[in-house]
Protein backbone atom coordinates (compact mmCIF):
# COMPACT_ATOMS: atom_id res chain seq x y z
CA UNK A 1 76.61 97.21 108.34
CA UNK A 2 79.18 96.52 111.04
CA UNK A 3 82.93 96.42 110.49
CA UNK A 4 82.94 92.63 110.97
CA UNK A 5 80.23 92.27 108.33
CA UNK A 6 82.26 94.45 105.95
CA UNK A 7 85.40 92.39 106.57
CA UNK A 8 83.56 89.11 106.05
CA UNK A 9 81.81 90.27 102.89
CA UNK A 10 84.92 91.88 101.38
CA UNK A 11 87.01 88.78 102.08
CA UNK A 12 84.38 86.51 100.49
CA UNK A 13 84.23 88.73 97.41
CA UNK A 14 88.02 88.85 97.08
CA UNK A 15 88.37 85.07 97.44
CA UNK A 16 85.87 84.59 94.64
CA UNK A 17 87.07 87.40 92.35
CA UNK A 18 90.82 86.86 92.71
CA UNK A 19 90.76 83.09 93.29
CA UNK A 20 92.84 83.17 96.46
CA UNK A 21 92.60 81.33 99.76
CA UNK A 22 90.75 82.99 102.63
CA UNK A 23 93.80 82.31 104.83
CA UNK A 24 95.91 84.63 102.65
CA UNK A 25 93.81 87.63 103.68
CA UNK A 26 94.96 89.17 106.93
CA UNK A 27 94.32 92.79 107.97
CA UNK A 28 98.00 93.80 107.71
CA UNK A 29 98.79 91.85 104.52
CA UNK A 30 99.70 93.77 101.38
CA UNK A 31 96.80 93.74 98.92
CA UNK A 32 99.21 94.18 96.04
CA UNK A 33 101.13 91.03 96.97
CA UNK A 34 98.21 88.81 97.98
CA UNK A 35 95.93 89.79 95.09
CA UNK A 36 98.79 90.08 92.60
CA UNK A 37 97.49 93.51 91.68
CA UNK A 38 98.48 94.91 88.35
CA UNK A 39 96.65 97.73 86.60
CA UNK A 40 93.90 95.45 85.28
CA UNK A 41 93.32 93.71 88.62
CA UNK A 42 93.27 97.09 90.32
CA UNK A 43 90.44 98.15 88.01
CA UNK A 44 88.63 94.93 88.95
CA UNK A 45 89.05 95.74 92.65
CA UNK A 46 87.75 99.30 92.21
CA UNK A 47 84.79 98.02 90.17
CA UNK A 48 84.01 95.37 92.79
CA UNK A 49 83.89 97.98 95.55
CA UNK A 50 81.77 100.29 93.40
CA UNK A 51 79.23 97.63 92.41
CA UNK A 52 78.99 96.11 95.89
CA UNK A 53 79.02 99.25 98.03
CA UNK A 54 78.27 102.13 95.66
CA UNK A 55 81.62 103.68 96.55
CA UNK A 56 83.80 105.21 93.88
CA UNK A 57 87.50 105.13 94.74
CA UNK A 58 89.22 108.06 93.02
CA UNK A 59 92.69 107.46 91.55
CA UNK A 60 94.30 109.76 94.12
CA UNK A 61 93.04 107.50 96.95
CA UNK A 62 94.42 104.26 95.52
CA UNK A 63 97.98 104.69 96.87
CA UNK A 64 96.51 104.93 100.39
CA UNK A 65 95.03 101.43 100.10
CA UNK A 66 98.02 99.23 100.85
CA UNK A 67 96.70 96.64 103.30
CA UNK A 68 93.37 94.89 103.58
CA UNK A 69 92.79 96.89 106.75
CA UNK A 70 93.14 100.08 104.68
CA UNK A 71 90.45 98.78 102.33
CA UNK A 72 88.12 97.88 105.21
CA UNK A 73 88.66 101.33 106.75
CA UNK A 74 88.00 103.03 103.42
CA UNK A 75 84.77 101.14 102.81
CA UNK A 76 83.60 101.64 106.38
CA UNK A 77 84.23 105.39 106.36
CA UNK A 78 82.77 105.99 102.89
CA UNK A 79 79.80 103.68 103.33
CA UNK A 80 78.55 105.84 106.19
CA UNK A 81 78.92 109.00 104.13
C-alpha cells in the first residue's frame, strides 16, 4: 500500500467516522481540533486504525500523533513492520 493510498483511505474513513468534510483534513492540520477529539473519540480513532490496519497504537504513542501527517507516518511505518 502506497503512502497516497494510505492517505486516501484514512481520510475517507475519518470523514465517515467523524462526520467531517474532506476539505478539513490537511496534512498539517491538528487532528484534535479537526476531529474534536476527546477521550471517547480518541478511542474511536485508535479502534479504527486497529480494525483497518491491524495496528495497535499504545497509549505512550498517542501524544506523538498531533497532525494528520503524523497519523499517516505512523500507519505507514507500522504497516510495513
